[in-house]
Amino acid sequence: MSGFVLHPDALADLDEIWEFIAGDNLTAADGVLEEIYERLVLLSPFRKLATAAPILLHGRFVFSPCRIF
């Protein structure tokens, strides 16, 4: 993972995402995290193009798209 470092809270969130999906499908769980990391690698060269986001409060934001397995 060169080019970026994930905050411990982000790592914990990714672990929770993996565990949730892995409850149904280990291969899908691995695939989702692999896709997330691939996107982070692609985005990491451009991290200075935007300002840092403030800490988000739980439940204030909804993210899309949803994935169906």
C-alpha atoms as a PDB file:
ATOM      1  CA  MET A   1       0.000   0.000   0.000  1.00  0.00           C
ATOM      2  CA  SER A   2       2.256   2.797  -1.137  1.00  0.00           C
ATOM      3  CA  GLY A   3       1.144   6.374  -1.577  1.00  0.00           C
ATOM      4  CA  PHE A   4      -1.291   6.554   1.319  1.00  0.00           C
ATOM      5  CA  VAL A   5      -1.839   5.539   4.925  1.00  0.00           C
ATOM      6  CA  LEU A   6      -5.271   4.667   6.261  1.00  0.00           C
ATOM      7  CA  HIS A   7      -6.457   6.073   9.573  1.00  0.00           C
ATOM      8  CA  PRO A   8      -7.034   3.370  12.225  1.00  0.00           C
ATOM      9  CA  ASP A   9     -10.765   4.181  12.168  1.00  0.00           C
ATOM     10  CA  ALA A  10     -10.835   3.604   8.401  1.00  0.00           C
ATOM     11  CA  LEU A  11      -9.069   0.265   8.850  1.00  0.00           C
ATOM     12  CA  ALA A  12     -11.601  -0.724  11.503  1.00  0.00           C
ATOM     13  CA  ASP A  13     -14.447   0.237   9.153  1.00  0.00           C
ATOM     14  CA  LEU A  14     -12.940  -1.865   6.368  1.00  0.00           C
ATOM     15  CA  ASP A  15     -12.630  -4.809   8.763  1.00  0.00           C
ATOM     16  CA  GLU A  16     -16.304  -4.458   9.681  1.00  0.00           C
ATOM     17  CA  ILE A  17     -17.305  -4.288   6.022  1.00  0.00           C
ATOM     18  CA  TRP A  18     -15.272  -7.421   5.284  1.00  0.00           C
ATOM     19  CA  GLU A  19     -16.741  -9.324   8.245  1.00  0.00           C
ATOM     20  CA  PHE A  20     -20.298  -8.381   7.265  1.00  0.00           C
ATOM     21  CA  ILE A  21     -19.911  -9.541   3.665  1.00  0.00           C
ATOM     22  CA  ALA A  22     -17.812 -12.573   4.634  1.00  0.00           C
ATOM     23  CA  GLY A  23     -20.730 -13.844   6.702  1.00  0.00           C
ATOM     24  CA  ASP A  24     -22.350 -14.696   3.366  1.00  0.00           C
ATOM     25  CA  ASN A  25     -19.486 -14.947   0.903  1.00  0.00           C
ATOM     26  CA  LEU A  26     -15.735 -14.901   1.637  1.00  0.00           C
ATOM     27  CA  THR A  27     -14.801 -14.428  -2.010  1.00  0.00           C
ATOM     28  CA  ALA A  28     -17.101 -11.426  -2.355  1.00  0.00           C
ATOM     29  CA  ALA A  29     -15.726  -9.900   0.863  1.00  0.00           C
ATOM     30  CA  ASP A  30     -12.176 -10.196  -0.445  1.00  0.00           C
ATOM     31  CA  GLY A  31     -13.257  -8.757  -3.797  1.00  0.00           C
ATOM     32  CA  VAL A  32     -14.932  -5.712  -2.275  1.00  0.00           C
ATOM     33  CA  LEU A  33     -11.862  -4.824  -0.213  1.00  0.00           C
ATOM     34  CA  GLU A  34      -9.624  -5.402  -3.215  1.00  0.00           C
ATOM     35  CA  GLU A  35     -11.744  -2.973  -5.259  1.00  0.00           C
ATOM     36  CA  ILE A  36     -11.625  -0.376  -2.485  1.00  0.00           C
ATOM     37  CA  TYR A  37      -7.826  -0.631  -2.236  1.00  0.00           C
ATOM     38  CA  GLU A  38      -7.467  -0.446  -6.030  1.00  0.00           C
ATOM     39  CA  ARG A  39      -9.483   2.789  -6.045  1.00  0.00           C
ATOM     40  CA  LEU A  40      -7.399   4.206  -3.197  1.00  0.00           C
ATOM     41  CA  VAL A  41      -4.218   3.482  -5.125  1.00  0.00           C
ATOM     42  CA  LEU A  42      -5.651   5.268  -8.174  1.00  0.00           C
ATOM     43  CA  LEU A  43      -6.758   8.263  -6.092  1.00  0.00           C
ATOM     44  CA  SER A  44      -3.646   8.597  -3.914  1.00  0.00           C
ATOM     45  CA  PRO A  45      -1.610  10.689  -6.404  1.00  0.00           C
ATOM     46  CA  PHE A  46      -4.375  13.317  -6.338  1.00  0.00           C
ATOM     47  CA  ARG A  47      -4.902  13.559  -2.571  1.00  0.00           C
ATOM     48  CA  LYS A  48      -3.651  17.152  -2.420  1.00  0.00           C
ATOM     49  CA  LEU A  49      -6.232  18.406  -4.932  1.00  0.00           C
ATOM     50  CA  ALA A  50      -8.863  18.768  -2.205  1.00  0.00           C
ATOM     51  CA  THR A  51      -8.988  19.901   1.382  1.00  0.00           C
ATOM     52  CA  ALA A  52      -9.221  17.394   4.200  1.00  0.00           C
ATOM     53  CA  ALA A  53     -12.767  16.421   5.084  1.00  0.00           C
ATOM     54  CA  PRO A  54     -13.950  17.121   8.612  1.00  0.00           C
ATOM     55  CA  ILE A  55     -14.733  14.149  10.813  1.00  0.00           C
ATOM     56  CA  LEU A  56     -18.138  12.880   9.733  1.00  0.00           C
ATOM     57  CA  LEU A  57     -20.810  12.366  12.340  1.00  0.00           C
ATOM     58  CA  HIS A  58     -22.384   8.917  12.383  1.00  0.00           C
ATOM     59  CA  GLY A  59     -25.572   8.665  10.353  1.00  0.00           C
ATOM     60  CA  ARG A  60     -25.331  12.030   8.605  1.00  0.00           C
ATOM     61  CA  PHE A  61     -24.367  10.731   5.193  1.00  0.00           C
ATOM     62  CA  VAL A  62     -25.671   8.052   2.862  1.00  0.00           C
ATOM     63  CA  PHE A  63     -23.334   6.641   0.262  1.00  0.00           C
ATOM     64  CA  SER A  64     -24.247   4.986  -3.036  1.00  0.00           C
ATOM     65  CA  PRO A  65     -24.111   2.887  -5.118  1.00  0.00           C
ATOM     66  CA  CYS A  66     -25.128  -0.302  -3.396  1.00  0.00           C
ATOM     67  CA  ARG A  67     -23.722  -3.617  -4.522  1.00  0.00           C
ATOM     68  CA  ILE A  68     -25.833  -6.722  -4.927  1.00  0.00           C
ATOM     69  CA  PHE A  69     -24.149 -10.110  -4.773  1.00  0.00           C
END
